[in-house]
Amino acid sequence: MTTADVTALLAQYTARAWEPTPAERAFAEDLARAQTSAAWLRSGLREAPPGRLADVLVPAAAVLEREFPLPEDVVLAVCQWPF
């Protein structure tokens, strides 16, 4: 997951070119409330609904295994999500 990936998906959401499914929205809300770790994210992604949001987040588990905390620019980009 890179800042560009997150920013691009957010821009598509803002432009109404992409709309998360209800399941993706619920998954995003669960992510927002949880403690982020590689193990937790991998577990959550196994249960995640298929879609663009999961596609952007799959690489994040590998990033978390190598580098914690996430780079601040990625965190800030994700925090801009409206849901």
PDB file of N, CA and C in Angstrom:
ATOM      1  N   MET A   1       0.853  -1.160   0.000  1.00  0.00           N
ATOM      2  CA  MET A   1       0.000   0.000   0.000  1.00  0.00           C
ATOM      3  C   MET A   1       0.898   1.220   0.000  1.00  0.00           C
ATOM      4  N   THR A   2       0.634   2.103  -0.899  1.00  0.00           N
ATOM      5  CA  THR A   2       1.399   3.334  -0.936  1.00  0.00           C
ATOM      6  C   THR A   2       0.439   4.496  -0.774  1.00  0.00           C
ATOM      7  N   THR A   3       1.019   5.642  -0.500  1.00  0.00           N
ATOM      8  CA  THR A   3       0.196   6.840  -0.410  1.00  0.00           C
ATOM      9  C   THR A   3      -0.541   7.062  -1.722  1.00  0.00           C
ATOM     10  N   ALA A   4       0.134   6.798  -2.836  1.00  0.00           N
ATOM     11  CA  ALA A   4      -0.501   6.987  -4.148  1.00  0.00           C
ATOM     12  C   ALA A   4      -1.713   6.077  -4.314  1.00  0.00           C
ATOM     13  N   ASP A   5      -1.617   4.824  -3.853  1.00  0.00           N
ATOM     14  CA  ASP A   5      -2.749   3.891  -3.955  1.00  0.00           C
ATOM     15  C   ASP A   5      -3.943   4.386  -3.149  1.00  0.00           C
ATOM     16  N   VAL A   6      -3.669   4.782  -1.922  1.00  0.00           N
ATOM     17  CA  VAL A   6      -4.731   5.260  -1.033  1.00  0.00           C
ATOM     18  C   VAL A   6      -5.329   6.549  -1.570  1.00  0.00           C
ATOM     19  N   THR A   7      -4.466   7.459  -1.997  1.00  0.00           N
ATOM     20  CA  THR A   7      -4.923   8.748  -2.515  1.00  0.00           C
ATOM     21  C   THR A   7      -5.752   8.569  -3.781  1.00  0.00           C
ATOM     22  N   ALA A   8      -5.321   7.658  -4.653  1.00  0.00           N
ATOM     23  CA  ALA A   8      -6.063   7.418  -5.897  1.00  0.00           C
ATOM     24  C   ALA A   8      -7.456   6.875  -5.609  1.00  0.00           C
ATOM     25  N   LEU A   9      -7.559   5.924  -4.686  1.00  0.00           N
ATOM     26  CA  LEU A   9      -8.865   5.365  -4.362  1.00  0.00           C
ATOM     27  C   LEU A   9      -9.744   6.413  -3.683  1.00  0.00           C
ATOM     28  N   LEU A  10      -9.156   7.232  -2.817  1.00  0.00           N
ATOM     29  CA  LEU A  10      -9.911   8.303  -2.181  1.00  0.00           C
ATOM     30  C   LEU A  10     -10.408   9.300  -3.228  1.00  0.00           C
ATOM     31  N   ALA A  11      -9.573   9.638  -4.192  1.00  0.00           N
ATOM     32  CA  ALA A  11      -9.982  10.567  -5.256  1.00  0.00           C
ATOM     33  C   ALA A  11     -11.136   9.975  -6.063  1.00  0.00           C
ATOM     34  N   GLN A  12     -11.083   8.686  -6.342  1.00  0.00           N
ATOM     35  CA  GLN A  12     -12.176   8.044  -7.065  1.00  0.00           C
ATOM     36  C   GLN A  12     -13.457   8.047  -6.231  1.00  0.00           C
ATOM     37  N   TYR A  13     -13.311   7.835  -4.941  1.00  0.00           N
ATOM     38  CA  TYR A  13     -14.472   7.881  -4.047  1.00  0.00           C
ATOM     39  C   TYR A  13     -15.071   9.288  -4.025  1.00  0.00           C
ATOM     40  N   THR A  14     -14.206  10.279  -3.871  1.00  0.00           N
ATOM     41  CA  THR A  14     -14.660  11.669  -3.818  1.00  0.00           C
ATOM     42  C   THR A  14     -15.341  12.087  -5.118  1.00  0.00           C
ATOM     43  N   ALA A  15     -14.808  11.609  -6.247  1.00  0.00           N
ATOM     44  CA  ALA A  15     -15.380  11.941  -7.553  1.00  0.00           C
ATOM     45  C   ALA A  15     -16.582  11.063  -7.892  1.00  0.00           C
ATOM     46  N   ARG A  16     -16.940  10.190  -6.966  1.00  0.00           N
ATOM     47  CA  ARG A  16     -18.051   9.254  -7.146  1.00  0.00           C
ATOM     48  C   ARG A  16     -17.830   8.290  -8.313  1.00  0.00           C
ATOM     49  N   ALA A  17     -16.540   8.045  -8.608  1.00  0.00           N
ATOM     50  CA  ALA A  17     -16.187   7.059  -9.627  1.00  0.00           C
ATOM     51  C   ALA A  17     -16.104   5.664  -9.011  1.00  0.00           C
ATOM     52  N   TRP A  18     -15.986   5.609  -7.693  1.00  0.00           N
ATOM     53  CA  TRP A  18     -15.973   4.345  -6.952  1.00  0.00           C
ATOM     54  C   TRP A  18     -16.774   4.543  -5.685  1.00  0.00           C
ATOM     55  N   GLU A  19     -17.612   3.585  -5.402  1.00  0.00           N
ATOM     56  CA  GLU A  19     -18.412   3.603  -4.172  1.00  0.00           C
ATOM     57  C   GLU A  19     -18.201   2.274  -3.463  1.00  0.00           C
ATOM     58  N   PRO A  20     -17.784   2.292  -2.194  1.00  0.00           N
ATOM     59  CA  PRO A  20     -17.615   1.022  -1.490  1.00  0.00           C
ATOM     60  C   PRO A  20     -18.955   0.332  -1.308  1.00  0.00           C
ATOM     61  N   THR A  21     -18.904  -0.974  -1.377  1.00  0.00           N
ATOM     62  CA  THR A  21     -20.112  -1.744  -1.105  1.00  0.00           C
ATOM     63  C   THR A  21     -20.424  -1.611   0.388  1.00  0.00           C
ATOM     64  N   PRO A  22     -21.627  -1.938   0.798  1.00  0.00           N
ATOM     65  CA  PRO A  22     -21.910  -1.909   2.240  1.00  0.00           C
ATOM     66  C   PRO A  22     -20.936  -2.774   3.043  1.00  0.00           C
ATOM     67  N   ALA A  23     -20.541  -3.911   2.483  1.00  0.00           N
ATOM     68  CA  ALA A  23     -19.587  -4.779   3.185  1.00  0.00           C
ATOM     69  C   ALA A  23     -18.214  -4.116   3.282  1.00  0.00           C
ATOM     70  N   GLU A  24     -17.779  -3.434   2.220  1.00  0.00           N
ATOM     71  CA  GLU A  24     -16.500  -2.721   2.266  1.00  0.00           C
ATOM     72  C   GLU A  24     -16.554  -1.587   3.282  1.00  0.00           C
ATOM     73  N   ARG A  25     -17.663  -0.883   3.330  1.00  0.00           N
ATOM     74  CA  ARG A  25     -17.819   0.212   4.289  1.00  0.00           C
ATOM     75  C   ARG A  25     -17.743  -0.323   5.724  1.00  0.00           C
ATOM     76  N   ALA A  26     -18.416  -1.430   5.992  1.00  0.00           N
ATOM     77  CA  ALA A  26     -18.369  -2.030   7.328  1.00  0.00           C
ATOM     78  C   ALA A  26     -16.945  -2.488   7.656  1.00  0.00           C
ATOM     79  N   PHE A  27     -16.250  -3.062   6.686  1.00  0.00           N
ATOM     80  CA  PHE A  27     -14.875  -3.491   6.875  1.00  0.00           C
ATOM     81  C   PHE A  27     -13.993  -2.295   7.199  1.00  0.00           C
ATOM     82  N   ALA A  28     -14.154  -1.196   6.480  1.00  0.00           N
ATOM     83  CA  ALA A  28     -13.366   0.014   6.726  1.00  0.00           C
ATOM     84  C   ALA A  28     -13.632   0.555   8.127  1.00  0.00           C
ATOM     85  N   GLU A  29     -14.886   0.522   8.550  1.00  0.00           N
ATOM     86  CA  GLU A  29     -15.216   0.993   9.894  1.00  0.00           C
ATOM     87  C   GLU A  29     -14.579   0.105  10.957  1.00  0.00           C
ATOM     88  N   ASP A  30     -14.549  -1.209  10.714  1.00  0.00           N
ATOM     89  CA  ASP A  30     -13.882  -2.125  11.648  1.00  0.00           C
ATOM     90  C   ASP A  30     -12.389  -1.829  11.708  1.00  0.00           C
ATOM     91  N   LEU A  31     -11.780  -1.567  10.551  1.00  0.00           N
ATOM     92  CA  LEU A  31     -10.352  -1.233  10.512  1.00  0.00           C
ATOM     93  C   LEU A  31     -10.061   0.028  11.315  1.00  0.00           C
ATOM     94  N   ALA A  32     -10.945   0.994  11.202  1.00  0.00           N
ATOM     95  CA  ALA A  32     -10.730   2.279  11.880  1.00  0.00           C
ATOM     96  C   ALA A  32     -10.752   2.136  13.401  1.00  0.00           C
ATOM     97  N   ARG A  33     -11.457   1.135  13.917  1.00  0.00           N
ATOM     98  CA  ARG A  33     -11.583   0.958  15.364  1.00  0.00           C
ATOM     99  C   ARG A  33     -10.534   0.029  15.958  1.00  0.00           C
ATOM    100  N   ALA A  34      -9.762  -0.646  15.124  1.00  0.00           N
ATOM    101  CA  ALA A  34      -8.880  -1.711  15.617  1.00  0.00           C
ATOM    102  C   ALA A  34      -7.442  -1.240  15.780  1.00  0.00           C
ATOM    103  N   GLN A  35      -6.702  -2.018  16.568  1.00  0.00           N
ATOM    104  CA  GLN A  35      -5.256  -1.832  16.698  1.00  0.00           C
ATOM    105  C   GLN A  35      -4.614  -2.427  15.453  1.00  0.00           C
ATOM    106  N   THR A  36      -3.837  -1.667  14.739  1.00  0.00           N
ATOM    107  CA  THR A  36      -3.257  -2.137  13.493  1.00  0.00           C
ATOM    108  C   THR A  36      -1.984  -2.922  13.746  1.00  0.00           C
ATOM    109  N   SER A  37      -1.974  -4.151  13.257  1.00  0.00           N
ATOM    110  CA  SER A  37      -0.770  -4.977  13.272  1.00  0.00           C
ATOM    111  C   SER A  37      -0.830  -5.856  12.028  1.00  0.00           C
ATOM    112  N   ALA A  38       0.304  -6.397  11.635  1.00  0.00           N
ATOM    113  CA  ALA A  38       0.339  -7.248  10.450  1.00  0.00           C
ATOM    114  C   ALA A  38      -0.567  -8.475  10.630  1.00  0.00           C
ATOM    115  N   ALA A  39      -0.485  -9.126  11.795  1.00  0.00           N
ATOM    116  CA  ALA A  39      -1.292 -10.325  12.038  1.00  0.00           C
ATOM    117  C   ALA A  39      -2.784  -9.989  12.018  1.00  0.00           C
ATOM    118  N   TRP A  40      -3.151  -8.889  12.661  1.00  0.00           N
ATOM    119  CA  TRP A  40      -4.561  -8.502  12.690  1.00  0.00           C
ATOM    120  C   TRP A  40      -5.060  -8.179  11.285  1.00  0.00           C
ATOM    121  N   LEU A  41      -4.254  -7.438  10.520  1.00  0.00           N
ATOM    122  CA  LEU A  41      -4.681  -7.061   9.166  1.00  0.00           C
ATOM    123  C   LEU A  41      -4.797  -8.295   8.274  1.00  0.00           C
ATOM    124  N   ARG A  42      -3.835  -9.208   8.346  1.00  0.00           N
ATOM    125  CA  ARG A  42      -3.935 -10.437   7.539  1.00  0.00           C
ATOM    126  C   ARG A  42      -5.198 -11.222   7.905  1.00  0.00           C
ATOM    127  N   SER A  43      -5.493 -11.311   9.185  1.00  0.00           N
ATOM    128  CA  SER A  43      -6.700 -12.003   9.623  1.00  0.00           C
ATOM    129  C   SER A  43      -7.945 -11.309   9.079  1.00  0.00           C
ATOM    130  N   GLY A  44      -7.986 -10.001   9.201  1.00  0.00           N
ATOM    131  CA  GLY A  44      -9.129  -9.247   8.702  1.00  0.00           C
ATOM    132  C   GLY A  44      -9.290  -9.360   7.199  1.00  0.00           C
ATOM    133  N   LEU A  45      -8.189  -9.361   6.468  1.00  0.00           N
ATOM    134  CA  LEU A  45      -8.258  -9.443   5.018  1.00  0.00           C
ATOM    135  C   LEU A  45      -8.746 -10.815   4.548  1.00  0.00           C
ATOM    136  N   ARG A  46      -8.525 -11.853   5.350  1.00  0.00           N
ATOM    137  CA  ARG A  46      -9.067 -13.173   4.986  1.00  0.00           C
ATOM    138  C   ARG A  46     -10.595 -13.141   5.004  1.00  0.00           C
ATOM    139  N   GLU A  47     -11.150 -12.299   5.859  1.00  0.00           N
ATOM    140  CA  GLU A  47     -12.600 -12.174   5.976  1.00  0.00           C
ATOM    141  C   GLU A  47     -13.152 -10.976   5.190  1.00  0.00           C
ATOM    142  N   ALA A  48     -12.270 -10.180   4.620  1.00  0.00           N
ATOM    143  CA  ALA A  48     -12.691  -8.944   3.944  1.00  0.00           C
ATOM    144  C   ALA A  48     -13.518  -9.246   2.702  1.00  0.00           C
ATOM    145  N   PRO A  49     -14.470  -8.380   2.440  1.00  0.00           N
ATOM    146  CA  PRO A  49     -15.233  -8.551   1.210  1.00  0.00           C
ATOM    147  C   PRO A  49     -14.323  -8.259   0.013  1.00  0.00           C
ATOM    148  N   PRO A  50     -14.520  -8.979  -1.080  1.00  0.00           N
ATOM    149  CA  PRO A  50     -13.706  -8.681  -2.256  1.00  0.00           C
ATOM    150  C   PRO A  50     -14.037  -7.287  -2.772  1.00  0.00           C
ATOM    151  N   GLY A  51     -13.048  -6.656  -3.341  1.00  0.00           N
ATOM    152  CA  GLY A  51     -13.295  -5.332  -3.910  1.00  0.00           C
ATOM    153  C   GLY A  51     -12.053  -4.475  -3.910  1.00  0.00           C
ATOM    154  N   ARG A  52     -12.231  -3.238  -4.341  1.00  0.00           N
ATOM    155  CA  ARG A  52     -11.119  -2.308  -4.499  1.00  0.00           C
ATOM    156  C   ARG A  52     -10.436  -1.999  -3.179  1.00  0.00           C
ATOM    157  N   LEU A  53     -11.193  -1.851  -2.105  1.00  0.00           N
ATOM    158  CA  LEU A  53     -10.600  -1.512  -0.816  1.00  0.00           C
ATOM    159  C   LEU A  53      -9.633  -2.608  -0.371  1.00  0.00           C
ATOM    160  N   ALA A  54     -10.054  -3.854  -0.453  1.00  0.00           N
ATOM    161  CA  ALA A  54      -9.175  -4.961  -0.073  1.00  0.00           C
ATOM    162  C   ALA A  54      -7.955  -5.011  -0.990  1.00  0.00           C
ATOM    163  N   ASP A  55      -8.157  -4.754  -2.271  1.00  0.00           N
ATOM    164  CA  ASP A  55      -7.033  -4.767  -3.212  1.00  0.00           C
ATOM    165  C   ASP A  55      -5.968  -3.752  -2.817  1.00  0.00           C
ATOM    166  N   VAL A  56      -6.386  -2.593  -2.331  1.00  0.00           N
ATOM    167  CA  VAL A  56      -5.438  -1.560  -1.915  1.00  0.00           C
ATOM    168  C   VAL A  56      -4.779  -1.943  -0.591  1.00  0.00           C
ATOM    169  N   LEU A  57      -5.504  -2.640   0.275  1.00  0.00           N
ATOM    170  CA  LEU A  57      -4.984  -2.952   1.606  1.00  0.00           C
ATOM    171  C   LEU A  57      -4.143  -4.223   1.690  1.00  0.00           C
ATOM    172  N   VAL A  58      -4.264  -5.140   0.745  1.00  0.00           N
ATOM    173  CA  VAL A  58      -3.513  -6.401   0.810  1.00  0.00           C
ATOM    174  C   VAL A  58      -2.016  -6.166   1.011  1.00  0.00           C
ATOM    175  N   PRO A  59      -1.378  -5.254   0.265  1.00  0.00           N
ATOM    176  CA  PRO A  59       0.059  -5.042   0.487  1.00  0.00           C
ATOM    177  C   PRO A  59       0.404  -4.453   1.861  1.00  0.00           C
ATOM    178  N   ALA A  60      -0.573  -3.899   2.551  1.00  0.00           N
ATOM    179  CA  ALA A  60      -0.299  -3.262   3.836  1.00  0.00           C
ATOM    180  C   ALA A  60       0.211  -4.246   4.879  1.00  0.00           C
ATOM    181  N   ALA A  61      -0.254  -5.473   4.846  1.00  0.00           N
ATOM    182  CA  ALA A  61       0.207  -6.461   5.841  1.00  0.00           C
ATOM    183  C   ALA A  61       1.704  -6.692   5.704  1.00  0.00           C
ATOM    184  N   ALA A  62       2.190  -6.797   4.486  1.00  0.00           N
ATOM    185  CA  ALA A  62       3.634  -6.973   4.273  1.00  0.00           C
ATOM    186  C   ALA A  62       4.397  -5.746   4.748  1.00  0.00           C
ATOM    187  N   VAL A  63       3.845  -4.569   4.515  1.00  0.00           N
ATOM    188  CA  VAL A  63       4.489  -3.335   4.975  1.00  0.00           C
ATOM    189  C   VAL A  63       4.555  -3.326   6.495  1.00  0.00           C
ATOM    190  N   LEU A  64       3.467  -3.722   7.152  1.00  0.00           N
ATOM    191  CA  LEU A  64       3.435  -3.733   8.611  1.00  0.00           C
ATOM    192  C   LEU A  64       4.432  -4.718   9.196  1.00  0.00           C
ATOM    193  N   GLU A  65       4.679  -5.819   8.503  1.00  0.00           N
ATOM    194  CA  GLU A  65       5.652  -6.785   8.995  1.00  0.00           C
ATOM    195  C   GLU A  65       7.067  -6.221   8.959  1.00  0.00           C
ATOM    196  N   ARG A  66       7.338  -5.337   8.017  1.00  0.00           N
ATOM    197  CA  ARG A  66       8.673  -4.780   7.861  1.00  0.00           C
ATOM    198  C   ARG A  66       8.851  -3.472   8.594  1.00  0.00           C
ATOM    199  N   GLU A  67       7.789  -2.700   8.665  1.00  0.00           N
ATOM    200  CA  GLU A  67       7.939  -1.317   9.094  1.00  0.00           C
ATOM    201  C   GLU A  67       6.743  -0.900   9.951  1.00  0.00           C
ATOM    202  N   PHE A  68       6.993  -0.637  11.222  1.00  0.00           N
ATOM    203  CA  PHE A  68       5.919  -0.154  12.077  1.00  0.00           C
ATOM    204  C   PHE A  68       6.458   1.003  12.893  1.00  0.00           C
ATOM    205  N   PRO A  69       5.759   2.043  13.032  1.00  0.00           N
ATOM    206  CA  PRO A  69       4.431   2.265  12.490  1.00  0.00           C
ATOM    207  C   PRO A  69       4.480   2.582  10.993  1.00  0.00           C
ATOM    208  N   LEU A  70       3.303   2.604  10.396  1.00  0.00           N
ATOM    209  CA  LEU A  70       3.216   2.962   8.986  1.00  0.00           C
ATOM    210  C   LEU A  70       3.782   4.358   8.778  1.00  0.00           C
ATOM    211  N   PRO A  71       4.332   4.599   7.589  1.00  0.00           N
ATOM    212  CA  PRO A  71       4.807   5.960   7.305  1.00  0.00           C
ATOM    213  C   PRO A  71       3.684   6.971   7.507  1.00  0.00           C
ATOM    214  N   GLU A  72       4.023   8.109   8.075  1.00  0.00           N
ATOM    215  CA  GLU A  72       3.008   9.103   8.428  1.00  0.00           C
ATOM    216  C   GLU A  72       2.185   9.547   7.228  1.00  0.00           C
ATOM    217  N   ASP A  73       2.793   9.646   6.034  1.00  0.00           N
ATOM    218  CA  ASP A  73       2.022  10.085   4.875  1.00  0.00           C
ATOM    219  C   ASP A  73       0.938   9.087   4.504  1.00  0.00           C
ATOM    220  N   VAL A  74       1.199   7.789   4.702  1.00  0.00           N
ATOM    221  CA  VAL A  74       0.180   6.781   4.428  1.00  0.00           C
ATOM    222  C   VAL A  74      -0.930   6.875   5.466  1.00  0.00           C
ATOM    223  N   VAL A  75      -0.563   7.018   6.725  1.00  0.00           N
ATOM    224  CA  VAL A  75      -1.563   7.140   7.796  1.00  0.00           C
ATOM    225  C   VAL A  75      -2.449   8.356   7.541  1.00  0.00           C
ATOM    226  N   LEU A  76      -1.854   9.483   7.202  1.00  0.00           N
ATOM    227  CA  LEU A  76      -2.635  10.691   6.943  1.00  0.00           C
ATOM    228  C   LEU A  76      -3.561  10.504   5.758  1.00  0.00           C
ATOM    229  N   ALA A  77      -3.097   9.835   4.725  1.00  0.00           N
ATOM    230  CA  ALA A  77      -3.950   9.596   3.550  1.00  0.00           C
ATOM    231  C   ALA A  77      -5.149   8.725   3.922  1.00  0.00           C
ATOM    232  N   VAL A  78      -4.926   7.678   4.714  1.00  0.00           N
ATOM    233  CA  VAL A  78      -6.027   6.803   5.123  1.00  0.00           C
ATOM    234  C   VAL A  78      -6.987   7.548   6.047  1.00  0.00           C
ATOM    235  N   CYS A  79      -6.465   8.399   6.914  1.00  0.00           N
ATOM    236  CA  CYS A  79      -7.320   9.140   7.855  1.00  0.00           C
ATOM    237  C   CYS A  79      -8.241  10.129   7.154  1.00  0.00           C
ATOM    238  N   GLN A  80      -7.973  10.452   5.925  1.00  0.00           N
ATOM    239  CA  GLN A  80      -8.821  11.380   5.187  1.00  0.00           C
ATOM    240  C   GLN A  80     -10.101  10.712   4.685  1.00  0.00           C
ATOM    241  N   TRP A  81     -10.164   9.388   4.806  1.00  0.00           N
ATOM    242  CA  TRP A  81     -11.351   8.693   4.313  1.00  0.00           C
ATOM    243  C   TRP A  81     -12.582   9.175   5.063  1.00  0.00           C
ATOM    244  N   PRO A  82     -13.660   9.414   4.348  1.00  0.00           N
ATOM    245  CA  PRO A  82     -14.867   9.957   4.972  1.00  0.00           C
ATOM    246  C   PRO A  82     -15.720   8.945   5.701  1.00  0.00           C
ATOM    247  N   PHE A  83     -15.353   7.702   5.728  1.00  0.00           N
ATOM    248  CA  PHE A  83     -16.158   6.713   6.454  1.00  0.00           C
ATOM    249  C   PHE A  83     -15.295   5.956   7.404  1.00  0.00           C
TER     250      PHE A  83
END
